Structures are given as structure tokens and as C-alpha cells.
Protein backbone atom coordinates (compact mmCIF):
# COMPACT_ATOMS: atom_id res chain seq x y z
CA MET A 1 1.36 -5.99 28.67
CA THR A 2 -0.94 -8.42 29.68
CA PRO A 3 0.13 -11.53 29.70
CA ILE A 4 -1.77 -13.94 27.36
CA ARG A 5 -2.95 -16.34 30.31
CA ASN A 6 -5.04 -13.62 31.77
CA TRP A 7 -6.71 -12.57 28.64
CA ALA A 8 -9.71 -14.90 29.30
CA THR A 9 -10.46 -13.00 33.32
CA VAL A 10 -10.02 -9.61 31.59
CA TRP A 11 -11.76 -9.79 28.47
CA SER A 12 -14.41 -7.96 29.07
CA ALA A 13 -12.28 -4.79 29.89
CA SER A 14 -9.58 -4.85 27.46
CA LEU A 15 -11.31 -6.63 23.90
CA SER A 16 -14.47 -4.74 22.51
CA THR A 17 -15.72 -3.55 19.61
CA SER A 18 -17.79 -0.09 18.57
CA PHE A 19 -18.55 2.00 16.17
CA ASN A 20 -17.46 6.04 16.58
CA PRO A 21 -18.10 8.02 13.58
CA THR A 22 -15.88 10.56 15.19
CA LEU A 23 -12.53 8.17 16.20
CA VAL A 24 -9.92 7.65 13.42
CA LEU A 25 -6.43 6.09 14.44
CA THR A 26 -3.42 6.59 13.46
CA PRO A 27 -0.76 3.69 13.52
CA LYS A 28 1.56 5.37 16.15
CA GLU A 29 -2.13 5.47 18.66
CA ALA A 30 -3.73 1.77 17.50
CA LEU A 31 0.24 0.77 18.64
CA GLN A 32 0.32 2.71 21.85
CA LYS A 33 -2.92 1.10 22.48
CA ILE A 34 -2.02 -2.45 21.64
CA GLU A 35 1.19 -2.01 23.94
CA GLN A 36 -1.06 -0.91 26.65
CA GLY A 37 -3.13 -4.20 26.42
CA LYS A 38 -6.10 -2.58 24.64
CA VAL A 39 -7.03 -4.47 22.09
CA ASP A 40 -10.04 -4.54 19.92
CA SER A 41 -11.83 -7.61 18.75
CA LEU A 42 -11.78 -5.88 14.79
CA TYR A 43 -9.76 -3.81 13.50
CA PHE A 44 -9.79 -2.10 9.54
CA LEU A 45 -6.60 -1.17 8.33
CA TYR A 46 -6.82 1.27 5.36
CA GLY A 47 -4.59 3.26 3.11
CA GLU A 48 -1.52 2.50 0.91
CA GLU A 49 1.36 2.74 3.29
CA ARG A 50 1.43 -1.22 3.76
CA PHE A 51 4.05 -0.59 6.13
CA PHE A 52 1.89 0.23 8.72
CA HIS A 53 -0.59 -2.45 8.40
CA THR A 54 2.23 -5.03 8.87
CA GLU A 55 3.77 -3.35 11.86
CA VAL A 56 0.09 -3.05 13.68
CA ILE A 57 -0.56 -6.90 12.39
CA GLN A 58 2.83 -7.70 13.87
CA ALA A 59 2.21 -5.67 17.45
CA LEU A 60 -1.46 -7.55 17.54
CA LEU A 61 -0.28 -10.89 17.17
CA LYS A 62 2.74 -10.62 19.62
CA GLN A 63 0.64 -9.18 22.24
CA LEU A 64 -2.34 -12.11 21.42
CA LEU A 65 -0.52 -15.16 20.14
CA THR A 66 2.41 -17.00 21.90
CA PRO A 67 4.77 -19.50 20.27
CA ASP A 68 2.97 -22.49 21.34
CA ASN A 69 -0.26 -21.69 20.07
CA ARG A 70 0.66 -19.24 17.03
CA GLU A 71 0.21 -22.32 14.56
CA PHE A 72 -3.20 -23.20 15.85
CA ASN A 73 -4.86 -19.53 16.88
CA LEU A 74 -4.02 -17.75 13.53
CA GLU A 75 -5.58 -17.63 10.25
CA ASN A 76 -4.97 -15.96 7.29
CA PHE A 77 -7.02 -15.31 3.83
CA GLU A 78 -7.09 -13.08 0.61
CA ALA A 79 -10.31 -11.18 0.04
CA LYS A 80 -10.36 -12.28 -3.54
CA ASN A 81 -9.71 -15.73 -2.95
CA SER A 82 -11.98 -16.60 -0.15
CA SER A 83 -15.15 -15.82 1.46
CA VAL A 84 -16.79 -13.72 4.50
CA ASN A 85 -18.33 -17.20 5.34
CA ASN A 86 -14.71 -18.60 5.38
CA TRP A 87 -14.10 -15.44 7.38
CA ILE A 88 -16.24 -15.86 9.94
CA SER A 89 -16.03 -19.37 10.60
CA ALA A 90 -12.66 -18.98 10.87
CA THR A 91 -13.55 -16.79 14.03
CA GLN A 92 -16.14 -19.33 15.19
CA THR A 93 -13.43 -22.04 15.65
CA LEU A 94 -12.53 -22.41 18.84
CA SER A 95 -9.12 -21.10 20.07
CA PHE A 96 -6.12 -23.20 21.46
CA LEU A 97 -5.22 -23.86 25.01
CA GLY A 98 -7.73 -21.47 25.86
CA GLY A 99 -5.94 -18.30 23.75
CA THR A 100 -7.28 -15.67 21.18
CA LYS A 101 -8.07 -16.38 17.74
CA VAL A 102 -6.91 -14.15 15.33
CA VAL A 103 -8.30 -13.95 11.51
CA ILE A 104 -6.28 -11.85 9.02
CA VAL A 105 -8.44 -10.48 5.43
CA LYS A 106 -5.91 -8.96 3.23
CA ASN A 107 -7.24 -6.90 0.64
CA LEU A 108 -10.84 -6.54 1.07
CA HIS A 109 -10.87 -3.26 -1.88
CA GLU A 110 -10.01 -6.02 -4.50
CA ILE A 111 -13.69 -7.18 -3.84
CA THR A 112 -17.09 -5.89 -3.96
CA LEU A 113 -19.40 -8.14 -1.76
CA GLN A 114 -22.85 -9.04 -2.70
CA PRO A 115 -25.44 -6.98 -0.23
CA ARG A 116 -25.63 -10.36 1.81
CA GLU A 117 -22.20 -10.66 2.57
CA CYS A 118 -22.04 -7.33 3.49
CA ASP A 119 -24.53 -7.68 5.91
CA SER A 120 -23.36 -10.58 7.44
CA LEU A 121 -19.90 -8.73 8.11
CA LEU A 122 -21.11 -5.90 9.22
CA ASN A 123 -23.58 -8.09 11.78
CA HIS A 124 -20.41 -9.83 13.00
CA CYS A 125 -18.71 -6.34 13.53
CA ASN A 126 -21.17 -5.70 15.71
CA ASP A 127 -21.99 -8.57 17.42
CA PRO A 128 -18.09 -10.28 17.36
CA LEU A 129 -17.35 -13.70 19.51
CA PRO A 130 -15.53 -13.01 22.30
CA GLU A 131 -11.97 -13.99 22.57
CA THR A 132 -11.29 -13.30 18.65
CA CYS A 133 -9.90 -10.68 16.85
CA LEU A 134 -10.66 -10.19 13.13
CA ILE A 135 -8.31 -7.80 11.10
CA LEU A 136 -9.18 -6.82 7.49
CA THR A 137 -7.03 -4.53 5.85
CA ALA A 138 -7.32 -2.67 2.62
CA ASN A 139 -5.09 -0.07 0.34
CA LYS A 140 -8.46 2.20 0.11
CA ALA A 141 -11.24 2.65 1.49
CA ASP A 142 -13.99 4.20 -0.69
CA ARG A 143 -16.49 5.63 2.10
CA LYS A 144 -19.48 6.07 -0.52
CA ARG A 145 -19.78 2.09 -0.14
CA LYS A 146 -21.78 0.75 2.62
CA LEU A 147 -19.33 -1.44 3.81
CA PHE A 148 -16.27 0.57 4.07
CA LYS A 149 -18.42 3.50 5.66
CA ALA A 150 -19.00 1.40 8.41
CA LEU A 151 -15.15 -0.26 8.93
CA THR A 152 -13.68 3.21 9.11
CA LYS A 153 -16.42 4.53 11.64
CA LEU A 154 -14.82 1.00 13.93
CA SER A 155 -13.25 1.71 16.93
CA GLY A 156 -10.81 -0.31 15.53
CA ALA A 157 -10.20 1.58 12.60
CA VAL A 158 -6.66 2.80 11.41
CA THR A 159 -5.79 5.27 8.62
CA CYS A 160 -2.33 4.05 7.26
CA ASP A 161 -1.87 6.58 4.64
CA ALA A 162 1.35 7.79 3.49
CA PRO A 163 3.30 10.33 5.46
CA LYS A 164 5.13 13.33 4.78
CA GLU A 165 8.44 13.88 4.83
CA ALA A 166 8.93 16.32 7.41
CA THR A 167 7.00 13.97 10.12
CA LEU A 168 9.42 11.22 9.32
CA ILE A 169 12.31 13.28 10.68
CA PRO A 170 11.08 12.66 14.11
CA TRP A 171 9.41 9.52 13.39
CA ILE A 172 13.14 7.85 12.11
CA GLN A 173 14.64 9.18 15.20
CA LYS A 174 12.15 7.68 17.84
CA ARG A 175 12.62 4.43 15.92
CA ALA A 176 16.12 4.30 16.35
CA GLU A 177 15.97 6.05 19.76
CA THR A 178 13.31 2.91 20.99
CA LEU A 179 16.11 0.06 19.58
CA GLY A 180 18.80 1.86 21.71
CA TYR A 181 20.36 4.25 19.00
CA ARG A 182 21.17 8.11 19.08
CA LEU A 183 20.17 9.07 15.45
CA SER A 184 20.76 13.18 14.85
CA PRO A 185 19.00 15.63 13.17
CA ASP A 186 21.33 15.96 10.18
CA ALA A 187 21.34 11.77 9.90
CA ALA A 188 17.67 11.41 10.19
CA ARG A 189 16.97 14.60 7.61
CA GLN A 190 19.43 12.81 4.94
CA MET A 191 17.52 9.45 5.47
CA VAL A 192 14.67 10.82 4.83
CA GLU A 193 15.92 12.62 1.44
CA HIS A 194 17.18 9.98 0.45
CA THR A 195 14.62 7.17 0.50
CA GLY A 196 11.23 9.64 0.01
CA PRO A 197 8.14 9.38 2.01
CA ARG A 198 8.25 5.55 2.77
CA PRO A 199 8.70 4.31 6.51
CA GLY A 200 9.26 0.43 5.24
CA LEU A 201 12.21 1.70 2.93
CA LEU A 202 13.63 3.91 5.76
CA ALA A 203 13.30 1.09 8.92
CA VAL A 204 15.39 -1.18 6.76
CA GLU A 205 17.64 1.51 5.77
CA LEU A 206 17.98 1.91 9.48
CA GLU A 207 18.61 -1.39 10.21
CA LYS A 208 21.68 -1.21 7.98
CA VAL A 209 23.11 2.00 9.54
CA MET A 210 22.81 0.00 12.54
CA THR A 211 25.13 -2.24 11.39
CA TYR A 212 27.22 -0.44 9.76
CA THR A 213 27.69 1.61 13.03
CA GLY A 214 27.93 -1.69 15.32
CA LYS A 215 28.83 -0.53 19.11
CA GLU A 216 28.64 3.29 18.94
CA ARG A 217 25.42 3.95 19.46
CA SER A 218 25.46 7.39 18.15
CA ILE A 219 24.28 7.86 14.14
CA SER A 220 25.62 11.42 12.35
CA ASP A 221 24.93 12.06 8.82
CA LYS A 222 28.43 10.57 7.74
CA GLU A 223 27.28 7.57 8.49
CA VAL A 224 24.19 7.64 6.52
CA LEU A 225 25.88 9.08 3.93
CA ALA A 226 28.09 6.33 3.75
CA VAL A 227 25.33 3.34 3.62
CA VAL A 228 21.94 4.96 2.45
CA GLY A 229 22.26 5.53 -1.24
CA ASP A 230 19.95 7.58 -3.31
CA ILE A 231 16.81 5.57 -3.49
CA LYS A 232 13.91 8.27 -3.52
CA GLN A 233 10.92 6.93 -5.64
CA GLU A 234 11.00 9.00 -8.98
CA ASN A 235 8.12 11.04 -9.95
CA PRO A 236 5.19 8.08 -10.95
CA PHE A 237 5.09 10.14 -15.06
CA ALA A 238 8.66 9.86 -15.36
CA LEU A 239 8.11 6.30 -16.50
CA THR A 240 5.52 7.28 -19.23
CA GLU A 241 7.44 10.13 -20.16
CA ALA A 242 10.44 7.79 -21.02
CA LEU A 243 7.93 5.67 -22.65
CA LYS A 244 6.69 8.57 -24.59
CA GLU A 245 10.34 8.98 -26.19
CA LYS A 246 10.36 5.58 -26.63
CA ASN A 247 13.51 5.40 -24.35
CA ALA A 248 13.32 1.66 -23.32
CA GLU A 249 16.69 1.93 -21.12
CA GLN A 250 15.42 4.57 -18.77
CA ALA A 251 11.79 3.42 -18.43
CA LEU A 252 13.12 0.33 -17.27
CA ALA A 253 15.58 1.69 -14.46
CA LEU A 254 12.04 4.10 -13.52
CA LEU A 255 9.87 0.81 -13.44
CA HIS A 256 12.56 -1.23 -11.41
CA ASN A 257 12.94 1.65 -8.69
CA GLN A 258 8.67 1.95 -8.63
CA LEU A 259 8.62 -1.49 -8.14
CA ASN A 260 11.18 -1.27 -5.42
CA HIS A 261 9.59 1.39 -3.61
CA GLY A 262 6.28 -0.65 -3.22
CA GLU A 263 4.40 0.65 -6.09
CA GLU A 264 1.55 -1.94 -7.37
CA PRO A 265 2.19 -2.95 -10.66
CA LEU A 266 -1.68 -2.51 -12.10
CA LYS A 267 -1.24 0.46 -10.81
CA ILE A 268 1.67 1.26 -13.01
CA LEU A 269 0.23 -0.07 -16.14
CA GLY A 270 -2.86 1.99 -15.24
CA THR A 271 -0.61 5.45 -15.63
CA MET A 272 0.54 3.88 -18.57
CA VAL A 273 -2.88 3.31 -20.16
CA TRP A 274 -4.05 6.29 -19.28
CA GLN A 275 -0.83 8.54 -20.78
CA LEU A 276 -0.84 6.75 -23.77
CA ARG A 277 -5.01 7.28 -24.29
CA VAL A 278 -3.89 11.01 -23.60
CA ILE A 279 -1.62 10.80 -26.98
CA TRP A 280 -4.28 9.15 -28.91
CA GLU A 281 -7.06 11.80 -28.14
CA VAL A 282 -4.73 14.56 -28.64
CA LYS A 283 -3.33 12.93 -32.05
CA HIS A 284 -6.90 12.41 -33.31
CA TYR A 285 -7.86 15.90 -32.78
CA GLN A 286 -4.26 17.31 -34.40
CA ALA A 287 -5.35 15.19 -37.07
CA GLN A 288 -8.29 17.78 -37.79
CA LYS A 289 -6.33 21.25 -37.71
CA LEU A 290 -7.18 22.11 -34.08
CA PRO A 291 -5.34 24.22 -32.28
CA PRO A 292 -4.34 23.34 -28.47
CA VAL A 293 -7.05 25.52 -26.43
CA LYS A 294 -9.93 23.84 -29.10
CA ILE A 295 -8.13 20.09 -28.11
CA ALA A 296 -8.23 20.73 -24.68
CA GLN A 297 -11.68 21.73 -24.58
CA GLU A 298 -12.92 18.89 -26.75
CA MET A 299 -11.16 16.45 -24.37
CA GLY A 300 -12.11 18.14 -21.05
CA ALA A 301 -8.17 18.56 -20.32
CA LYS A 302 -5.98 21.24 -19.29
CA PRO A 303 -4.45 22.94 -21.74
CA PHE A 304 -0.74 22.27 -20.42
CA MET A 305 -1.44 18.76 -20.87
CA VAL A 306 -2.70 18.58 -24.37
CA GLU A 307 0.69 21.03 -25.44
CA LYS A 308 3.02 18.66 -23.43
CA ALA A 309 1.20 15.58 -24.92
CA MET A 310 1.87 17.14 -28.44
CA LYS A 311 5.45 16.68 -28.33
CA HIS A 312 4.99 13.16 -28.37
CA THR A 313 2.77 12.28 -30.91
CA GLN A 314 5.04 12.48 -33.70
CA ASN A 315 6.52 9.17 -32.18
CA PHE A 316 3.35 7.35 -32.83
CA ASN A 317 1.07 6.72 -35.68
CA GLN A 318 -2.00 5.17 -36.09
CA SER A 319 -1.11 1.88 -36.62
CA ALA A 320 1.49 2.04 -33.39
CA LEU A 321 -1.13 3.22 -31.32
CA THR A 322 -3.47 0.63 -31.82
CA GLY A 323 -0.64 -2.02 -31.48
CA SER A 324 0.36 -0.33 -28.04
CA PHE A 325 -3.26 -0.61 -26.94
CA LYS A 326 -3.09 -4.42 -27.54
CA ASP A 327 -0.10 -5.17 -25.59
CA LEU A 328 -1.04 -3.06 -23.00
CA ALA A 329 -4.66 -5.68 -23.09
CA GLN A 330 -2.40 -8.30 -22.59
CA ALA A 331 -0.22 -6.98 -20.20
CA ASP A 332 -3.32 -6.41 -17.95
CA ARG A 333 -4.91 -9.96 -18.26
CA GLU A 334 -1.49 -11.57 -17.70
CA LEU A 335 -1.18 -9.28 -14.60
CA LYS A 336 -4.49 -10.09 -13.21
CA THR A 337 -4.35 -14.18 -14.65
CA SER A 338 -1.22 -15.94 -15.71
CA GLY A 339 1.02 -16.12 -12.17
CA GLN A 340 4.18 -14.67 -13.74
CA SER A 341 6.17 -11.83 -12.53
CA PRO A 342 4.57 -8.69 -12.63
CA GLN A 343 8.04 -7.41 -12.71
CA ALA A 344 8.47 -10.02 -15.88
CA ILE A 345 5.56 -8.74 -17.32
CA LEU A 346 6.19 -4.96 -17.21
CA GLU A 347 9.30 -5.59 -18.23
CA SER A 348 8.43 -6.98 -22.23
CA LEU A 349 5.50 -4.93 -22.38
CA ILE A 350 8.03 -1.71 -21.87
CA LEU A 351 10.25 -3.14 -24.46
CA LYS A 352 7.36 -3.53 -26.87
CA LEU A 353 5.81 -0.56 -26.53
CA CYS A 354 9.72 1.14 -26.91
CA ALA A 355 9.68 -0.72 -30.12
CA GLY A 356 6.79 0.28 -31.93
CA LYS A 357 7.25 1.83 -34.79
CA ASN A 358 6.16 5.29 -35.96
């Protein structure tokens, strides 16, 4: 690892950016390079697994900043509350004590840049300033858009997709080993089965197990079962199934489960809207006495989806559906503009939807 005081002398060898259409790093590969002192001047972290975003960012901050200069050499921006000019100007501000200027811009997927702004950012990516590190994050990258298509070709592009459960068993074992513990294969399997494919939750649960184990450095499935509860994320459609049955208690429990697993409130709301729209359409065609197969053809949907919705259409009359969509629209506005707790907004919405009369 290169000491921070030597960065100015080794910059040309260790800090660079380039476009390479064949290279997309995994979080593991990115972390290995950073630990070796091979740091790019621009990173694009994209994918829905935010835990990996945080892991890479923390590794970069540890490598590039010191406690003495961190306050002066680090700037954070939310993409929707700032501009490209803000980000580039921040990289142009002189670093403190000759260190590295780090600029982090989060949630690039929430905005659409104007052509001029897009060109300005890409020009910066092509010719970044020395001794700076610009880090951009996005939950998803639509490669049909010029900006994301270019950013995913950066040498510092890191794909942070949710991993498959099978790959997490060796991952959590390795993490435990790094922290000085031995996690047996059965213990690792139990952890993954109880938490699901969520690295962030796995890391938290591992800390709990290590604290419980204490000085004993070997962790078996017995310790895991004693500490780790069944917190695996429910099927995202289970919530809307509870809504269709107007089961408020179950719907609220499923909502809390999804939020605790890091699901985005707007994504949860979008699933509700989609499911109720399907019910509305099916109910409309039912009134015309059409059979399920014909309804599916009219909607451009799969027959099984129509048959499933037909089981719940009797729970909603036209008035109830109209009121439900008004409630959904209000929740959407509140989530985007009110500043209220997303959990409170969605809880209130669920109670309204489940209380609606047939």
C-alpha cells in the first residue's frame, strides 16, 4: 500500500483513467486493486447492491485520505440536488496538504443530464485532473443512454449486482477469515439461508456472531442458529398479495421486511401500482363477460396472471379502485417531495388500501 505522502511522486504510475470496453470490474477485483495502491482517477459504481458501493468507497477513502486532510479533501453530492458544474468545480479545488481530492456523486440514475452537461462530464472523464478521484454511483445503468454507455467502459467501472446465494457462502467465509475467525461451511450456509442474498445483512449478522462467540475463533452452525434469526427477504409480490386480500397486518409485516432489507420505497410503491392496475383491467374485461384467455389477449398478458387476478377482483369495486389510485398518487407525491418518513407514508397507504370498501 502506497503511503499517502508519496502519492504525488507515483501518480503517473498508480492513478489514471481510461476507457476499455472489455473491462468491467467486480467489487472483489476493485478492492484488490485498491489495496495494492492501483487507484483510478474516476470510478463508476453501478448496480442495486449498495453494500458493494459502500465497500469500494470506504476502501478508496482509506487509501487516499488521512484523518488530518479528510475534512478538507472530501466532498459529497447527491446527483438530484447538484449539477455537473458543482462536481467538476469540486475536483478543481486545491487539495489540502498535497493530498488527493475525492469527490463522490451518488444516485446518478435519478437524473437525466442535458446534452451539454453530459458532454462536460465525459470530457472530464477523458481528461481528469491530476491528484483527484471522482466517484459516481448509480443503482442501475441504462446503456442505451450515452452517459451510462460511456461510464460502463471506464477502467474504474465496477458492477455491483446482487450476488447469487451460492457465491455468498465462500464470500462470508473469506470475510470471517479476514477478521480472524473460522466460519465452518455449515455455519456459512445457515447464515445465507437465514438472510438471503444480501451481503450487507450478512456482514452485520457476522459481526453479531463474532461478538457472541467472543474469544472463541471458530464459529459453527450452533452459534449461528443461536444468534441469527430468520430475516430472509420475502417474495416482493407477497406484499401485493396481502393487499389484494386486504390483510393489513400481514401487508405491514411484509412492508417492514422489505424496507429492512434495503428495498427502495418507490420500487415497493411501483409494484403496488402495477398489481392494482392489473386488477382494474381484468375487472373491466370481466364486466364484458370475456373468458380468461380472451382477457389475457386483450391485455397482452399471460393467462396465469389474469386467472390469479380474477381471484381478487371481487375485493374491489369501481369506487374502491378509483380511491386506491388516488391514494397511490398521493403517496407517490409524498415520497418524492414531502420529506416525511417513507415507512410512515407506505404504512398509511397500506391501511387506506386495506380499509377500502368493496
